[in-house]
């Protein structure tokens, strides 16, 4: 028996002892695998997909998650949280990720109590352990379960299992809160969020598969995969015109290319190590 088969079997054993579960469902590959395996192990009637709307996530992501869960045949509960009403989140410090997840897990725990579910599950994976993830502290405090981590599954393995299960999002690019485009110390508001959201949507429509527009006051710093830089530059005049119309004075291209968590690169090592460890 190979390693990934063993891990998947272990995941099934973890889930099979949970009775009724509520899954925080984003429509990404990780939470989709959790939802599917919970459905397989516990039966559709014992699984609820909760899709949470937030000002910090695209409406298209919310709608896509609802449609995917419905297509999978599970029960779906739509709800929302108001992150831009929480001062700890608006402040946009490294601790804001903790407050964001604390708000989310508190909301999910309350729903689990009201609707009669025994566990709240999320889609955190082993790759998250080595990254700056204050949300894991909030997860642990709330008593939620990261069953993919418990089964020692990494992103590549999750994608492989999702492909084998014929889940349509097996190769979907990772998405993240739009707050990740705003540097620490710059307060969050709807205007900034809408600026980067509209900028990224415009560039994506030009055929760029993965793009991040990082907000630096009057400067937009664009990150795309290194192999797509040449393609991006073909549209530089259109991009310049659009992004300046959105309120940026200058538009720059990050020559290092797209990378997750680039806003964390300015954080001191002791803070990163404290969260990772």
C-alpha atoms as a PDB file:
ATOM      1  CA  UNK A   1       0.000   0.000   0.000  1.00  0.00           C
ATOM      2  CA  UNK A   2       1.542   3.326  -1.034  1.00  0.00           C
ATOM      3  CA  UNK A   3       1.730   6.344   1.238  1.00  0.00           C
ATOM      4  CA  UNK A   4      -1.125   8.362  -0.274  1.00  0.00           C
ATOM      5  CA  UNK A   5      -3.469   5.366  -0.095  1.00  0.00           C
ATOM      6  CA  UNK A   6      -2.564   4.921   3.568  1.00  0.00           C
ATOM      7  CA  UNK A   7      -3.200   8.595   4.273  1.00  0.00           C
ATOM      8  CA  UNK A   8      -6.550   8.511   2.529  1.00  0.00           C
ATOM      9  CA  UNK A   9      -7.503   5.434   4.510  1.00  0.00           C
ATOM     10  CA  UNK A  10      -6.483   7.193   7.718  1.00  0.00           C
ATOM     11  CA  UNK A  11      -8.577  10.208   6.701  1.00  0.00           C
ATOM     12  CA  UNK A  12     -11.545   7.901   6.293  1.00  0.00           C
ATOM     13  CA  UNK A  13     -10.973   6.409   9.747  1.00  0.00           C
ATOM     14  CA  UNK A  14     -10.864   9.891  11.303  1.00  0.00           C
ATOM     15  CA  UNK A  15     -14.082  10.967   9.594  1.00  0.00           C
ATOM     16  CA  UNK A  16     -15.980   7.745  10.226  1.00  0.00           C
ATOM     17  CA  UNK A  17     -15.950   8.414  13.981  1.00  0.00           C
ATOM     18  CA  UNK A  18     -17.433  11.906  13.750  1.00  0.00           C
ATOM     19  CA  UNK A  19     -21.176  11.211  13.373  1.00  0.00           C
ATOM     20  CA  UNK A  20     -22.414  14.596  12.041  1.00  0.00           C
ATOM     21  CA  UNK A  21     -20.085  17.253  10.648  1.00  0.00           C
ATOM     22  CA  UNK A  22     -20.253  20.838   9.457  1.00  0.00           C
ATOM     23  CA  UNK A  23     -17.639  21.657   6.801  1.00  0.00           C
ATOM     24  CA  UNK A  24     -16.381  25.213   6.279  1.00  0.00           C
ATOM     25  CA  UNK A  25     -16.647  25.103   2.506  1.00  0.00           C
ATOM     26  CA  UNK A  26     -14.852  27.576   0.227  1.00  0.00           C
ATOM     27  CA  UNK A  27     -15.004  25.633  -3.016  1.00  0.00           C
ATOM     28  CA  UNK A  28     -11.221  25.221  -3.100  1.00  0.00           C
ATOM     29  CA  UNK A  29      -9.584  21.843  -3.567  1.00  0.00           C
ATOM     30  CA  UNK A  30      -8.840  21.311   0.139  1.00  0.00           C
ATOM     31  CA  UNK A  31     -12.318  21.895   1.558  1.00  0.00           C
ATOM     32  CA  UNK A  32     -13.853  20.082  -1.427  1.00  0.00           C
ATOM     33  CA  UNK A  33     -11.853  16.967  -0.623  1.00  0.00           C
ATOM     34  CA  UNK A  34     -12.919  17.206   3.030  1.00  0.00           C
ATOM     35  CA  UNK A  35     -16.553  17.555   1.986  1.00  0.00           C
ATOM     36  CA  UNK A  36     -16.418  14.639  -0.445  1.00  0.00           C
ATOM     37  CA  UNK A  37     -14.675  12.255   1.934  1.00  0.00           C
ATOM     38  CA  UNK A  38     -17.033  13.216   4.775  1.00  0.00           C
ATOM     39  CA  UNK A  39     -19.947  12.513   2.441  1.00  0.00           C
ATOM     40  CA  UNK A  40     -18.478   9.112   1.580  1.00  0.00           C
ATOM     41  CA  UNK A  41     -17.757   8.106   5.163  1.00  0.00           C
ATOM     42  CA  UNK A  42     -20.763   9.563   6.991  1.00  0.00           C
ATOM     43  CA  UNK A  43     -23.485   9.747   4.369  1.00  0.00           C
ATOM     44  CA  UNK A  44     -24.956  12.850   2.786  1.00  0.00           C
ATOM     45  CA  UNK A  45     -27.536  13.302   5.523  1.00  0.00           C
ATOM     46  CA  UNK A  46     -24.818  13.767   8.147  1.00  0.00           C
ATOM     47  CA  UNK A  47     -22.784  16.409   6.315  1.00  0.00           C
ATOM     48  CA  UNK A  48     -23.468  20.127   5.966  1.00  0.00           C
ATOM     49  CA  UNK A  49     -21.478  22.466   3.716  1.00  0.00           C
ATOM     50  CA  UNK A  50     -21.413  25.971   5.163  1.00  0.00           C
ATOM     51  CA  UNK A  51     -20.478  28.666   2.659  1.00  0.00           C
ATOM     52  CA  UNK A  52     -19.574  31.974   4.284  1.00  0.00           C
ATOM     53  CA  UNK A  53     -19.838  35.313   2.506  1.00  0.00           C
ATOM     54  CA  UNK A  54     -17.455  38.090   3.535  1.00  0.00           C
ATOM     55  CA  UNK A  55     -16.485  41.536   2.265  1.00  0.00           C
ATOM     56  CA  UNK A  56     -12.917  40.230   1.994  1.00  0.00           C
ATOM     57  CA  UNK A  57     -13.717  37.453  -0.477  1.00  0.00           C
ATOM     58  CA  UNK A  58     -15.082  37.679  -3.994  1.00  0.00           C
ATOM     59  CA  UNK A  59     -18.801  37.159  -4.481  1.00  0.00           C
ATOM     60  CA  UNK A  60     -17.969  34.894  -7.414  1.00  0.00           C
ATOM     61  CA  UNK A  61     -16.072  32.577  -5.058  1.00  0.00           C
ATOM     62  CA  UNK A  62     -19.080  32.408  -2.729  1.00  0.00           C
ATOM     63  CA  UNK A  63     -21.503  31.679  -5.556  1.00  0.00           C
ATOM     64  CA  UNK A  64     -19.178  29.090  -7.080  1.00  0.00           C
ATOM     65  CA  UNK A  65     -18.842  27.271  -3.756  1.00  0.00           C
ATOM     66  CA  UNK A  66     -22.617  27.128  -3.289  1.00  0.00           C
ATOM     67  CA  UNK A  67     -23.112  25.711  -6.797  1.00  0.00           C
ATOM     68  CA  UNK A  68     -20.351  23.134  -6.342  1.00  0.00           C
ATOM     69  CA  UNK A  69     -21.725  21.899  -3.008  1.00  0.00           C
ATOM     70  CA  UNK A  70     -25.202  21.631  -4.514  1.00  0.00           C
ATOM     71  CA  UNK A  71     -23.795  19.704  -7.476  1.00  0.00           C
ATOM     72  CA  UNK A  72     -22.127  17.311  -5.044  1.00  0.00           C
ATOM     73  CA  UNK A  73     -25.549  16.647  -3.540  1.00  0.00           C
ATOM     74  CA  UNK A  74     -24.834  17.779   0.016  1.00  0.00           C
ATOM     75  CA  UNK A  75     -26.925  20.087   2.144  1.00  0.00           C
ATOM     76  CA  UNK A  76     -25.762  23.694   1.902  1.00  0.00           C
ATOM     77  CA  UNK A  77     -26.118  26.507   4.426  1.00  0.00           C
ATOM     78  CA  UNK A  78     -25.347  30.035   3.246  1.00  0.00           C
ATOM     79  CA  UNK A  79     -24.284  32.583   5.826  1.00  0.00           C
ATOM     80  CA  UNK A  80     -22.092  35.664   6.210  1.00  0.00           C
ATOM     81  CA  UNK A  81     -19.700  37.397   8.547  1.00  0.00           C
ATOM     82  CA  UNK A  82     -18.917  41.117   8.738  1.00  0.00           C
ATOM     83  CA  UNK A  83     -15.136  41.292   8.919  1.00  0.00           C
ATOM     84  CA  UNK A  84     -14.983  45.021   8.239  1.00  0.00           C
ATOM     85  CA  UNK A  85     -16.945  45.648  11.440  1.00  0.00           C
ATOM     86  CA  UNK A  86     -14.210  44.064  13.584  1.00  0.00           C
ATOM     87  CA  UNK A  87     -11.525  46.534  14.696  1.00  0.00           C
ATOM     88  CA  UNK A  88      -8.970  43.774  15.131  1.00  0.00           C
ATOM     89  CA  UNK A  89      -9.373  42.853  11.468  1.00  0.00           C
ATOM     90  CA  UNK A  90      -9.600  46.418  10.137  1.00  0.00           C
ATOM     91  CA  UNK A  91      -6.274  47.286  11.838  1.00  0.00           C
ATOM     92  CA  UNK A  92      -4.569  44.851   9.434  1.00  0.00           C
ATOM     93  CA  UNK A  93      -1.719  43.767  11.684  1.00  0.00           C
ATOM     94  CA  UNK A  94      -0.221  40.257  11.569  1.00  0.00           C
ATOM     95  CA  UNK A  95      -2.691  39.420  14.371  1.00  0.00           C
ATOM     96  CA  UNK A  96      -5.604  40.386  12.136  1.00  0.00           C
ATOM     97  CA  UNK A  97      -5.497  36.924  10.547  1.00  0.00           C
ATOM     98  CA  UNK A  98      -6.084  35.512  14.021  1.00  0.00           C
ATOM     99  CA  UNK A  99      -9.078  37.794  14.602  1.00  0.00           C
ATOM    100  CA  UNK A 100     -10.476  36.952  11.182  1.00  0.00           C
ATOM    101  CA  UNK A 101     -10.346  33.222  11.827  1.00  0.00           C
ATOM    102  CA  UNK A 102     -11.592  33.681  15.379  1.00  0.00           C
ATOM    103  CA  UNK A 103     -14.677  35.431  14.008  1.00  0.00           C
ATOM    104  CA  UNK A 104     -15.176  32.676  11.447  1.00  0.00           C
ATOM    105  CA  UNK A 105     -14.784  29.743  13.837  1.00  0.00           C
ATOM    106  CA  UNK A 106     -16.990  31.362  16.488  1.00  0.00           C
ATOM    107  CA  UNK A 107     -19.699  31.772  13.859  1.00  0.00           C
ATOM    108  CA  UNK A 108     -19.301  28.172  12.684  1.00  0.00           C
ATOM    109  CA  UNK A 109     -19.366  26.797  16.224  1.00  0.00           C
ATOM    110  CA  UNK A 110     -22.595  28.650  16.920  1.00  0.00           C
ATOM    111  CA  UNK A 111     -24.133  27.248  13.750  1.00  0.00           C
ATOM    112  CA  UNK A 112     -23.031  23.732  14.685  1.00  0.00           C
ATOM    113  CA  UNK A 113     -24.790  24.056  18.037  1.00  0.00           C
ATOM    114  CA  UNK A 114     -27.966  25.516  16.513  1.00  0.00           C
ATOM    115  CA  UNK A 115     -28.168  22.990  13.674  1.00  0.00           C
ATOM    116  CA  UNK A 116     -27.084  19.914  15.599  1.00  0.00           C
ATOM    117  CA  UNK A 117     -23.657  19.010  14.243  1.00  0.00           C
ATOM    118  CA  UNK A 118     -20.908  17.429  16.322  1.00  0.00           C
ATOM    119  CA  UNK A 119     -17.779  18.817  14.661  1.00  0.00           C
ATOM    120  CA  UNK A 120     -16.652  21.812  12.641  1.00  0.00           C
ATOM    121  CA  UNK A 121     -14.169  20.820   9.931  1.00  0.00           C
ATOM    122  CA  UNK A 122     -11.895  23.032   7.846  1.00  0.00           C
ATOM    123  CA  UNK A 123      -9.527  22.457   4.926  1.00  0.00           C
ATOM    124  CA  UNK A 124      -6.142  23.264   6.451  1.00  0.00           C
ATOM    125  CA  UNK A 125      -3.342  21.039   5.144  1.00  0.00           C
ATOM    126  CA  UNK A 126       0.178  20.154   6.203  1.00  0.00           C
ATOM    127  CA  UNK A 127       1.706  22.862   4.000  1.00  0.00           C
ATOM    128  CA  UNK A 128       0.039  25.428   6.272  1.00  0.00           C
ATOM    129  CA  UNK A 129       2.082  24.262   9.253  1.00  0.00           C
ATOM    130  CA  UNK A 130       5.291  25.637   7.712  1.00  0.00           C
ATOM    131  CA  UNK A 131       3.732  28.975   6.745  1.00  0.00           C
ATOM    132  CA  UNK A 132       2.734  32.047   8.756  1.00  0.00           C
ATOM    133  CA  UNK A 133      -0.780  30.997   9.813  1.00  0.00           C
ATOM    134  CA  UNK A 134      -2.097  32.759  12.933  1.00  0.00           C
ATOM    135  CA  UNK A 135      -5.463  31.286  12.009  1.00  0.00           C
ATOM    136  CA  UNK A 136      -4.312  27.900  13.259  1.00  0.00           C
ATOM    137  CA  UNK A 137      -4.227  29.307  16.775  1.00  0.00           C
ATOM    138  CA  UNK A 138      -7.835  30.451  16.409  1.00  0.00           C
ATOM    139  CA  UNK A 139      -8.736  27.039  14.992  1.00  0.00           C
ATOM    140  CA  UNK A 140      -7.212  25.247  17.958  1.00  0.00           C
ATOM    141  CA  UNK A 141      -8.866  27.554  20.480  1.00  0.00           C
ATOM    142  CA  UNK A 142     -12.253  26.995  18.823  1.00  0.00           C
ATOM    143  CA  UNK A 143     -11.869  23.219  18.813  1.00  0.00           C
ATOM    144  CA  UNK A 144     -12.373  22.903  15.052  1.00  0.00           C
ATOM    145  CA  UNK A 145     -10.784  19.947  13.277  1.00  0.00           C
ATOM    146  CA  UNK A 146      -8.348  20.092  10.365  1.00  0.00           C
ATOM    147  CA  UNK A 147      -8.768  16.491   9.242  1.00  0.00           C
ATOM    148  CA  UNK A 148      -6.392  16.796   6.271  1.00  0.00           C
ATOM    149  CA  UNK A 149      -3.638  17.838   8.651  1.00  0.00           C
ATOM    150  CA  UNK A 150      -4.581  15.002  11.007  1.00  0.00           C
ATOM    151  CA  UNK A 151      -4.140  12.619   8.076  1.00  0.00           C
ATOM    152  CA  UNK A 152      -0.756  14.235   7.225  1.00  0.00           C
ATOM    153  CA  UNK A 153      -1.875  15.324   3.748  1.00  0.00           C
ATOM    154  CA  UNK A 154       0.047  17.887   1.680  1.00  0.00           C
ATOM    155  CA  UNK A 155      -1.266  19.979  -1.225  1.00  0.00           C
ATOM    156  CA  UNK A 156       0.155  17.745  -3.943  1.00  0.00           C
ATOM    157  CA  UNK A 157      -1.446  14.708  -2.312  1.00  0.00           C
ATOM    158  CA  UNK A 158      -4.752  16.523  -1.860  1.00  0.00           C
ATOM    159  CA  UNK A 159      -4.799  17.405  -5.555  1.00  0.00           C
ATOM    160  CA  UNK A 160      -4.010  13.812  -6.502  1.00  0.00           C
ATOM    161  CA  UNK A 161      -6.831  12.435  -4.361  1.00  0.00           C
ATOM    162  CA  UNK A 162      -9.233  15.082  -5.650  1.00  0.00           C
ATOM    163  CA  UNK A 163      -8.337  14.136  -9.231  1.00  0.00           C
ATOM    164  CA  UNK A 164      -8.901  10.444  -8.517  1.00  0.00           C
ATOM    165  CA  UNK A 165     -12.314  11.329  -7.073  1.00  0.00           C
ATOM    166  CA  UNK A 166     -13.049  13.364 -10.219  1.00  0.00           C
ATOM    167  CA  UNK A 167     -13.605  16.564  -8.270  1.00  0.00           C
ATOM    168  CA  UNK A 168     -13.737  19.433 -10.798  1.00  0.00           C
ATOM    169  CA  UNK A 169     -11.570  21.736  -8.660  1.00  0.00           C
ATOM    170  CA  UNK A 170      -8.636  19.331  -8.312  1.00  0.00           C
ATOM    171  CA  UNK A 171      -6.338  21.770 -10.158  1.00  0.00           C
ATOM    172  CA  UNK A 172      -8.030  25.033  -9.143  1.00  0.00           C
ATOM    173  CA  UNK A 173      -5.509  27.758  -8.202  1.00  0.00           C
ATOM    174  CA  UNK A 174      -5.413  28.730  -4.551  1.00  0.00           C
ATOM    175  CA  UNK A 175      -7.424  31.766  -3.504  1.00  0.00           C
ATOM    176  CA  UNK A 176      -7.075  33.907  -0.430  1.00  0.00           C
ATOM    177  CA  UNK A 177      -8.680  36.811   1.371  1.00  0.00           C
ATOM    178  CA  UNK A 178      -8.337  40.044  -0.577  1.00  0.00           C
ATOM    179  CA  UNK A 179      -6.849  41.495   2.599  1.00  0.00           C
ATOM    180  CA  UNK A 180      -3.657  39.623   1.689  1.00  0.00           C
ATOM    181  CA  UNK A 181      -3.057  42.269  -0.992  1.00  0.00           C
ATOM    182  CA  UNK A 182      -2.850  45.087   1.570  1.00  0.00           C
ATOM    183  CA  UNK A 183       0.427  45.601   3.524  1.00  0.00           C
ATOM    184  CA  UNK A 184       0.385  45.264   7.293  1.00  0.00           C
ATOM    185  CA  UNK A 185      -0.302  48.540   9.034  1.00  0.00           C
ATOM    186  CA  UNK A 186      -2.541  49.886   6.268  1.00  0.00           C
ATOM    187  CA  UNK A 187      -6.097  49.825   7.560  1.00  0.00           C
ATOM    188  CA  UNK A 188      -8.627  47.841   5.571  1.00  0.00           C
ATOM    189  CA  UNK A 189     -11.691  49.426   4.007  1.00  0.00           C
ATOM    190  CA  UNK A 190     -14.061  48.605   1.158  1.00  0.00           C
ATOM    191  CA  UNK A 191     -12.437  51.057  -1.249  1.00  0.00           C
ATOM    192  CA  UNK A 192      -9.002  49.409  -1.063  1.00  0.00           C
ATOM    193  CA  UNK A 193     -10.514  45.936  -1.293  1.00  0.00           C
ATOM    194  CA  UNK A 194     -12.534  46.902  -4.368  1.00  0.00           C
ATOM    195  CA  UNK A 195      -9.450  48.502  -5.975  1.00  0.00           C
ATOM    196  CA  UNK A 196      -7.370  45.338  -5.893  1.00  0.00           C
ATOM    197  CA  UNK A 197     -10.357  43.141  -6.690  1.00  0.00           C
ATOM    198  CA  UNK A 198     -11.240  45.069  -9.861  1.00  0.00           C
ATOM    199  CA  UNK A 199      -7.573  45.295 -10.891  1.00  0.00           C
ATOM    200  CA  UNK A 200      -7.065  41.535 -10.611  1.00  0.00           C
ATOM    201  CA  UNK A 201     -10.289  40.735 -12.443  1.00  0.00           C
ATOM    202  CA  UNK A 202      -9.263  42.986 -15.325  1.00  0.00           C
ATOM    203  CA  UNK A 203      -5.836  41.359 -15.683  1.00  0.00           C
ATOM    204  CA  UNK A 204      -7.317  37.871 -15.395  1.00  0.00           C
ATOM    205  CA  UNK A 205      -9.651  38.635 -18.308  1.00  0.00           C
ATOM    206  CA  UNK A 206      -6.573  39.279 -20.435  1.00  0.00           C
ATOM    207  CA  UNK A 207      -5.722  35.591 -20.115  1.00  0.00           C
ATOM    208  CA  UNK A 208      -3.352  35.667 -17.127  1.00  0.00           C
ATOM    209  CA  UNK A 209      -4.097  32.554 -15.060  1.00  0.00           C
ATOM    210  CA  UNK A 210      -2.709  33.664 -11.707  1.00  0.00           C
ATOM    211  CA  UNK A 211      -2.359  37.286 -10.670  1.00  0.00           C
ATOM    212  CA  UNK A 212      -2.051  39.291  -7.486  1.00  0.00           C
ATOM    213  CA  UNK A 213      -2.226  43.074  -7.343  1.00  0.00           C
ATOM    214  CA  UNK A 214      -0.577  44.244  -4.138  1.00  0.00           C
ATOM    215  CA  UNK A 215      -1.695  47.608  -2.786  1.00  0.00           C
ATOM    216  CA  UNK A 216       0.961  50.153  -1.779  1.00  0.00           C
ATOM    217  CA  UNK A 217      -1.015  53.392  -1.390  1.00  0.00           C
ATOM    218  CA  UNK A 218      -0.741  54.995  -4.860  1.00  0.00           C
ATOM    219  CA  UNK A 219       1.291  52.097  -6.316  1.00  0.00           C
ATOM    220  CA  UNK A 220      -0.072  48.810  -7.635  1.00  0.00           C
ATOM    221  CA  UNK A 221       2.527  46.018  -7.590  1.00  0.00           C
ATOM    222  CA  UNK A 222       1.551  43.207  -9.933  1.00  0.00           C
ATOM    223  CA  UNK A 223       2.650  39.619  -9.357  1.00  0.00           C
ATOM    224  CA  UNK A 224       2.190  36.964 -12.040  1.00  0.00           C
ATOM    225  CA  UNK A 225       3.931  33.644 -12.646  1.00  0.00           C
ATOM    226  CA  UNK A 226       7.409  34.237 -14.150  1.00  0.00           C
ATOM    227  CA  UNK A 227       6.436  32.442 -17.352  1.00  0.00           C
ATOM    228  CA  UNK A 228       3.515  34.858 -17.807  1.00  0.00           C
ATOM    229  CA  UNK A 229       5.484  38.091 -17.448  1.00  0.00           C
ATOM    230  CA  UNK A 230       6.073  38.339 -21.208  1.00  0.00           C
ATOM    231  CA  UNK A 231       2.361  37.870 -21.881  1.00  0.00           C
ATOM    232  CA  UNK A 232       1.467  40.493 -19.286  1.00  0.00           C
ATOM    233  CA  UNK A 233       3.785  43.050 -20.870  1.00  0.00           C
ATOM    234  CA  UNK A 234       1.941  42.691 -24.166  1.00  0.00           C
ATOM    235  CA  UNK A 235      -1.013  44.347 -22.424  1.00  0.00           C
ATOM    236  CA  UNK A 236       0.922  46.909 -20.399  1.00  0.00           C
ATOM    237  CA  UNK A 237      -0.792  49.964 -21.880  1.00  0.00           C
ATOM    238  CA  UNK A 238      -4.279  48.551 -21.224  1.00  0.00           C
ATOM    239  CA  UNK A 239      -3.287  47.577 -17.702  1.00  0.00           C
ATOM    240  CA  UNK A 240      -1.746  50.970 -16.989  1.00  0.00           C
ATOM    241  CA  UNK A 241      -4.870  52.752 -18.203  1.00  0.00           C
ATOM    242  CA  UNK A 242      -7.256  50.535 -16.238  1.00  0.00           C
ATOM    243  CA  UNK A 243      -5.359  50.563 -12.957  1.00  0.00           C
ATOM    244  CA  UNK A 244      -4.859  54.318 -12.992  1.00  0.00           C
ATOM    245  CA  UNK A 245      -8.604  54.666 -13.598  1.00  0.00           C
ATOM    246  CA  UNK A 246      -9.093  52.652 -10.394  1.00  0.00           C
ATOM    247  CA  UNK A 247      -7.096  55.185  -8.388  1.00  0.00           C
ATOM    248  CA  UNK A 248      -3.481  54.043  -8.604  1.00  0.00           C
ATOM    249  CA  UNK A 249      -0.920  56.619  -9.751  1.00  0.00           C
ATOM    250  CA  UNK A 250       1.790  54.106 -10.590  1.00  0.00           C
ATOM    251  CA  UNK A 251       1.730  50.508 -11.811  1.00  0.00           C
ATOM    252  CA  UNK A 252       4.735  48.241 -11.273  1.00  0.00           C
ATOM    253  CA  UNK A 253       5.629  44.631 -12.069  1.00  0.00           C
ATOM    254  CA  UNK A 254       7.293  42.456  -9.427  1.00  0.00           C
ATOM    255  CA  UNK A 255      10.174  40.729 -11.223  1.00  0.00           C
ATOM    256  CA  UNK A 256      10.240  37.921  -8.657  1.00  0.00           C
ATOM    257  CA  UNK A 257       6.813  36.865  -9.882  1.00  0.00           C
ATOM    258  CA  UNK A 258       3.792  35.524  -8.038  1.00  0.00           C
ATOM    259  CA  UNK A 259       4.380  33.845  -4.687  1.00  0.00           C
ATOM    260  CA  UNK A 260       2.038  33.133  -1.821  1.00  0.00           C
ATOM    261  CA  UNK A 261       2.388  35.253   1.283  1.00  0.00           C
ATOM    262  CA  UNK A 262       4.645  37.886  -0.262  1.00  0.00           C
ATOM    263  CA  UNK A 263       3.309  40.466   2.204  1.00  0.00           C
ATOM    264  CA  UNK A 264       4.753  38.310   4.995  1.00  0.00           C
ATOM    265  CA  UNK A 265       8.297  38.762   3.682  1.00  0.00           C
ATOM    266  CA  UNK A 266       8.676  41.989   5.661  1.00  0.00           C
ATOM    267  CA  UNK A 267       7.779  40.351   8.984  1.00  0.00           C
ATOM    268  CA  UNK A 268      10.597  39.716  11.474  1.00  0.00           C
ATOM    269  CA  UNK A 269      11.858  36.146  11.668  1.00  0.00           C
ATOM    270  CA  UNK A 270      11.021  35.802  15.368  1.00  0.00           C
ATOM    271  CA  UNK A 271       7.346  36.530  14.672  1.00  0.00           C
ATOM    272  CA  UNK A 272       7.206  34.045  11.801  1.00  0.00           C
ATOM    273  CA  UNK A 273       8.928  31.352  13.830  1.00  0.00           C
ATOM    274  CA  UNK A 274       6.633  31.933  16.804  1.00  0.00           C
ATOM    275  CA  UNK A 275       3.561  31.208  14.661  1.00  0.00           C
ATOM    276  CA  UNK A 276       5.059  28.344  12.694  1.00  0.00           C
ATOM    277  CA  UNK A 277       6.350  26.607  15.795  1.00  0.00           C
END
